[in-house]
Amino acid sequence: MRVFAKHGFGAVIDKLGIIAYLKLNKKNITNNEQEKEKLSIGERLRLSLEELGPTFVKLGQILSTRADLLPNDIIEELEILFKEEFKLG
C-alpha cells in the first residue's frame, strides 16, 4: 500500500478505510496526491507495478490484454511494461 500511496493513490487507500488496519499515517499517505496529479492514472499504476517488482510487472502485462476491464489510456500505459521488459532482458 505504501508504494501505491507513494505514486498518488493515497486518496483511494483512504476511501477504502484500510489506513488504520495497515497502521499507516493518513498524512503521509495523502501527501503525494498533488505532486502526482500531473501523471495519469495509467502512468501512476505502471510506476507502482514497476517498483513492486517482476511479479507485479507481469500482472500489469496481463492486465494490459484486458481491454474489456480497463480503459484504453490505462491499457496503453501498461503495454509499456512489455517494451521495458525487452529493454532490460
N, C-alpha and C. Protein backbone atom coordinates (compact mmCIF):
# COMPACT_ATOMS: atom_id res chain seq x y z
N MET A 1 0.82 -1.18 0.00
CA MET A 1 0.00 0.00 0.00
C MET A 1 0.87 1.25 0.00
N ARG A 2 2.02 1.16 0.65
CA ARG A 2 2.90 2.33 0.69
C ARG A 2 3.37 2.72 -0.71
N VAL A 3 3.64 1.74 -1.54
CA VAL A 3 4.09 2.04 -2.90
C VAL A 3 2.98 2.71 -3.68
N PHE A 4 1.76 2.20 -3.57
CA PHE A 4 0.64 2.82 -4.27
C PHE A 4 0.39 4.23 -3.74
N ALA A 5 0.51 4.42 -2.44
CA ALA A 5 0.35 5.76 -1.86
C ALA A 5 1.44 6.69 -2.37
N LYS A 6 2.65 6.18 -2.47
CA LYS A 6 3.77 6.98 -2.97
C LYS A 6 3.51 7.48 -4.39
N HIS A 7 2.79 6.70 -5.17
CA HIS A 7 2.53 7.06 -6.56
C HIS A 7 1.15 7.70 -6.77
N GLY A 8 0.60 8.25 -5.69
CA GLY A 8 -0.59 9.07 -5.82
C GLY A 8 -1.93 8.39 -5.66
N PHE A 9 -1.95 7.20 -5.09
CA PHE A 9 -3.22 6.50 -4.87
C PHE A 9 -3.65 6.57 -3.40
N GLY A 10 -3.12 7.54 -2.67
CA GLY A 10 -3.44 7.68 -1.25
C GLY A 10 -4.91 7.93 -0.99
N ALA A 11 -5.55 8.72 -1.84
CA ALA A 11 -6.98 9.01 -1.65
C ALA A 11 -7.81 7.74 -1.77
N VAL A 12 -7.43 6.86 -2.69
CA VAL A 12 -8.14 5.59 -2.86
C VAL A 12 -7.97 4.73 -1.62
N ILE A 13 -6.75 4.68 -1.12
CA ILE A 13 -6.47 3.90 0.09
C ILE A 13 -7.27 4.45 1.26
N ASP A 14 -7.33 5.77 1.36
CA ASP A 14 -8.10 6.42 2.42
C ASP A 14 -9.58 6.10 2.30
N LYS A 15 -10.13 6.19 1.08
CA LYS A 15 -11.56 5.91 0.86
C LYS A 15 -11.91 4.46 1.19
N LEU A 16 -10.97 3.56 0.97
CA LEU A 16 -11.21 2.15 1.29
C LEU A 16 -11.25 1.91 2.80
N GLY A 17 -10.74 2.88 3.57
CA GLY A 17 -10.77 2.78 5.02
C GLY A 17 -9.81 1.76 5.59
N ILE A 18 -8.71 1.51 4.90
CA ILE A 18 -7.78 0.49 5.37
C ILE A 18 -6.50 1.07 5.99
N ILE A 19 -6.44 2.40 6.09
CA ILE A 19 -5.25 3.03 6.67
C ILE A 19 -5.05 2.56 8.11
N ALA A 20 -6.10 2.54 8.89
CA ALA A 20 -5.99 2.15 10.31
C ALA A 20 -5.53 0.71 10.45
N TYR A 21 -6.00 -0.16 9.58
CA TYR A 21 -5.63 -1.58 9.65
C TYR A 21 -4.16 -1.80 9.29
N LEU A 22 -3.66 -0.94 8.43
CA LEU A 22 -2.27 -1.08 7.99
C LEU A 22 -1.29 -0.30 8.87
N LYS A 23 -1.85 0.40 9.86
CA LYS A 23 -1.05 1.23 10.77
C LYS A 23 -0.21 2.24 10.00
N LEU A 24 -0.87 2.90 9.05
CA LEU A 24 -0.21 3.93 8.26
C LEU A 24 -0.71 5.30 8.70
N ASN A 25 0.12 6.30 8.53
CA ASN A 25 -0.22 7.67 8.87
C ASN A 25 -0.97 8.30 7.70
N LYS A 26 -2.19 8.76 7.95
CA LYS A 26 -3.02 9.33 6.87
C LYS A 26 -2.32 10.51 6.20
N LYS A 27 -1.62 11.31 6.97
CA LYS A 27 -0.92 12.48 6.41
C LYS A 27 0.13 12.03 5.40
N ASN A 28 0.88 11.01 5.72
CA ASN A 28 1.92 10.50 4.81
C ASN A 28 1.32 9.86 3.57
N ILE A 29 0.19 9.22 3.73
CA ILE A 29 -0.46 8.53 2.62
C ILE A 29 -0.99 9.52 1.59
N THR A 30 -1.57 10.61 2.06
CA THR A 30 -2.21 11.56 1.13
C THR A 30 -1.29 12.71 0.74
N ASN A 31 -0.07 12.75 1.23
CA ASN A 31 0.88 13.83 0.93
C ASN A 31 1.24 13.94 -0.55
N ASN A 32 1.41 12.84 -1.24
CA ASN A 32 1.89 12.85 -2.61
C ASN A 32 0.81 13.14 -3.65
N GLU A 33 -0.42 13.33 -3.22
CA GLU A 33 -1.52 13.47 -4.17
C GLU A 33 -1.32 14.64 -5.15
N GLN A 34 -1.04 15.82 -4.64
CA GLN A 34 -0.90 16.99 -5.52
C GLN A 34 0.29 16.84 -6.45
N GLU A 35 1.37 16.33 -5.93
CA GLU A 35 2.59 16.16 -6.72
C GLU A 35 2.38 15.17 -7.87
N LYS A 36 1.61 14.13 -7.62
CA LYS A 36 1.41 13.07 -8.61
C LYS A 36 0.24 13.32 -9.56
N GLU A 37 -0.56 14.36 -9.30
CA GLU A 37 -1.72 14.64 -10.15
C GLU A 37 -1.33 14.95 -11.59
N LYS A 38 -0.09 15.34 -11.80
CA LYS A 38 0.39 15.64 -13.15
C LYS A 38 0.46 14.39 -14.01
N LEU A 39 0.61 13.24 -13.37
CA LEU A 39 0.69 11.96 -14.09
C LEU A 39 -0.70 11.37 -14.23
N SER A 40 -0.92 10.65 -15.31
CA SER A 40 -2.21 9.98 -15.50
C SER A 40 -2.31 8.79 -14.54
N ILE A 41 -3.51 8.29 -14.39
CA ILE A 41 -3.72 7.11 -13.54
C ILE A 41 -2.93 5.93 -14.09
N GLY A 42 -2.91 5.78 -15.41
CA GLY A 42 -2.15 4.70 -16.02
C GLY A 42 -0.67 4.79 -15.73
N GLU A 43 -0.13 6.02 -15.81
CA GLU A 43 1.31 6.20 -15.52
C GLU A 43 1.61 5.87 -14.07
N ARG A 44 0.75 6.35 -13.17
CA ARG A 44 0.97 6.06 -11.75
C ARG A 44 0.87 4.57 -11.45
N LEU A 45 -0.08 3.91 -12.10
CA LEU A 45 -0.22 2.46 -11.91
C LEU A 45 1.00 1.72 -12.43
N ARG A 46 1.47 2.09 -13.63
CA ARG A 46 2.64 1.44 -14.21
C ARG A 46 3.87 1.64 -13.32
N LEU A 47 4.08 2.86 -12.84
CA LEU A 47 5.23 3.13 -11.98
C LEU A 47 5.15 2.32 -10.67
N SER A 48 3.95 2.20 -10.14
CA SER A 48 3.76 1.41 -8.92
C SER A 48 4.13 -0.05 -9.17
N LEU A 49 3.62 -0.61 -10.25
CA LEU A 49 3.88 -2.01 -10.56
C LEU A 49 5.37 -2.25 -10.82
N GLU A 50 6.02 -1.31 -11.51
CA GLU A 50 7.46 -1.44 -11.76
C GLU A 50 8.24 -1.46 -10.45
N GLU A 51 7.85 -0.58 -9.52
CA GLU A 51 8.56 -0.52 -8.24
C GLU A 51 8.34 -1.78 -7.41
N LEU A 52 7.18 -2.39 -7.54
CA LEU A 52 6.87 -3.59 -6.76
C LEU A 52 7.60 -4.83 -7.26
N GLY A 53 8.11 -4.79 -8.49
CA GLY A 53 8.94 -5.88 -8.96
C GLY A 53 8.33 -6.74 -10.05
N PRO A 54 9.07 -7.79 -10.43
CA PRO A 54 8.73 -8.60 -11.60
C PRO A 54 7.35 -9.26 -11.56
N THR A 55 6.93 -9.71 -10.40
CA THR A 55 5.62 -10.35 -10.32
C THR A 55 4.51 -9.36 -10.64
N PHE A 56 4.64 -8.15 -10.12
CA PHE A 56 3.63 -7.13 -10.37
C PHE A 56 3.72 -6.59 -11.80
N VAL A 57 4.92 -6.55 -12.35
CA VAL A 57 5.07 -6.17 -13.76
C VAL A 57 4.33 -7.17 -14.63
N LYS A 58 4.48 -8.45 -14.33
CA LYS A 58 3.78 -9.48 -15.08
C LYS A 58 2.26 -9.32 -14.93
N LEU A 59 1.79 -9.00 -13.74
CA LEU A 59 0.37 -8.74 -13.53
C LEU A 59 -0.10 -7.58 -14.41
N GLY A 60 0.71 -6.52 -14.47
CA GLY A 60 0.38 -5.38 -15.33
C GLY A 60 0.35 -5.76 -16.79
N GLN A 61 1.27 -6.62 -17.20
CA GLN A 61 1.29 -7.09 -18.59
C GLN A 61 0.01 -7.88 -18.90
N ILE A 62 -0.40 -8.70 -17.97
CA ILE A 62 -1.63 -9.47 -18.15
C ILE A 62 -2.83 -8.53 -18.23
N LEU A 63 -2.87 -7.55 -17.33
CA LEU A 63 -3.98 -6.59 -17.34
C LEU A 63 -4.03 -5.79 -18.63
N SER A 64 -2.87 -5.58 -19.25
CA SER A 64 -2.84 -4.80 -20.49
C SER A 64 -3.55 -5.51 -21.64
N THR A 65 -3.80 -6.79 -21.48
CA THR A 65 -4.51 -7.55 -22.52
C THR A 65 -6.02 -7.55 -22.29
N ARG A 66 -6.47 -6.92 -21.22
CA ARG A 66 -7.88 -6.97 -20.85
C ARG A 66 -8.58 -5.64 -21.13
N ALA A 67 -8.74 -5.36 -22.40
CA ALA A 67 -9.43 -4.14 -22.82
C ALA A 67 -10.89 -4.13 -22.39
N ASP A 68 -11.41 -5.30 -22.05
CA ASP A 68 -12.80 -5.37 -21.58
C ASP A 68 -12.93 -4.92 -20.13
N LEU A 69 -11.80 -4.82 -19.40
CA LEU A 69 -11.84 -4.43 -17.99
C LEU A 69 -11.34 -3.02 -17.74
N LEU A 70 -10.41 -2.54 -18.56
CA LEU A 70 -9.74 -1.26 -18.31
C LEU A 70 -9.89 -0.32 -19.49
N PRO A 71 -9.88 0.99 -19.22
CA PRO A 71 -9.95 1.96 -20.31
C PRO A 71 -8.66 1.95 -21.15
N ASN A 72 -8.77 2.43 -22.37
CA ASN A 72 -7.65 2.41 -23.31
C ASN A 72 -6.41 3.14 -22.82
N ASP A 73 -6.58 4.27 -22.13
CA ASP A 73 -5.41 5.02 -21.67
C ASP A 73 -4.59 4.21 -20.67
N ILE A 74 -5.24 3.44 -19.82
CA ILE A 74 -4.52 2.59 -18.86
C ILE A 74 -3.89 1.41 -19.59
N ILE A 75 -4.62 0.83 -20.53
CA ILE A 75 -4.08 -0.29 -21.33
C ILE A 75 -2.80 0.15 -22.03
N GLU A 76 -2.82 1.31 -22.67
CA GLU A 76 -1.64 1.80 -23.39
C GLU A 76 -0.45 1.97 -22.46
N GLU A 77 -0.70 2.46 -21.27
CA GLU A 77 0.38 2.66 -20.30
C GLU A 77 0.93 1.32 -19.82
N LEU A 78 0.06 0.35 -19.58
CA LEU A 78 0.52 -0.96 -19.12
C LEU A 78 1.25 -1.72 -20.22
N GLU A 79 0.93 -1.43 -21.47
CA GLU A 79 1.65 -2.08 -22.58
C GLU A 79 3.13 -1.68 -22.59
N ILE A 80 3.44 -0.55 -22.01
CA ILE A 80 4.84 -0.12 -21.90
C ILE A 80 5.65 -1.13 -21.10
N LEU A 81 5.00 -1.84 -20.19
CA LEU A 81 5.69 -2.85 -19.39
C LEU A 81 6.30 -3.94 -20.26
N PHE A 82 5.66 -4.26 -21.38
CA PHE A 82 6.24 -5.24 -22.31
C PHE A 82 7.50 -4.69 -22.94
N LYS A 83 7.44 -3.44 -23.37
CA LYS A 83 8.58 -2.80 -24.06
C LYS A 83 9.77 -2.68 -23.13
N GLU A 84 9.51 -2.32 -21.88
CA GLU A 84 10.60 -2.15 -20.91
C GLU A 84 11.21 -3.49 -20.54
N GLU A 85 10.42 -4.54 -20.55
CA GLU A 85 10.93 -5.88 -20.23
C GLU A 85 11.97 -6.29 -21.28
N PHE A 86 11.70 -6.00 -22.53
CA PHE A 86 12.62 -6.39 -23.60
C PHE A 86 13.89 -5.53 -23.58
N LYS A 87 13.78 -4.29 -23.12
CA LYS A 87 14.97 -3.44 -22.98
C LYS A 87 15.91 -4.01 -21.92
N LEU A 88 15.31 -4.46 -20.81
CA LEU A 88 16.10 -4.98 -19.71
C LEU A 88 16.62 -6.37 -19.99
N GLY A 89 15.82 -7.18 -20.69
CA GLY A 89 16.15 -8.58 -20.92
C GLY A 89 17.19 -8.72 -21.97
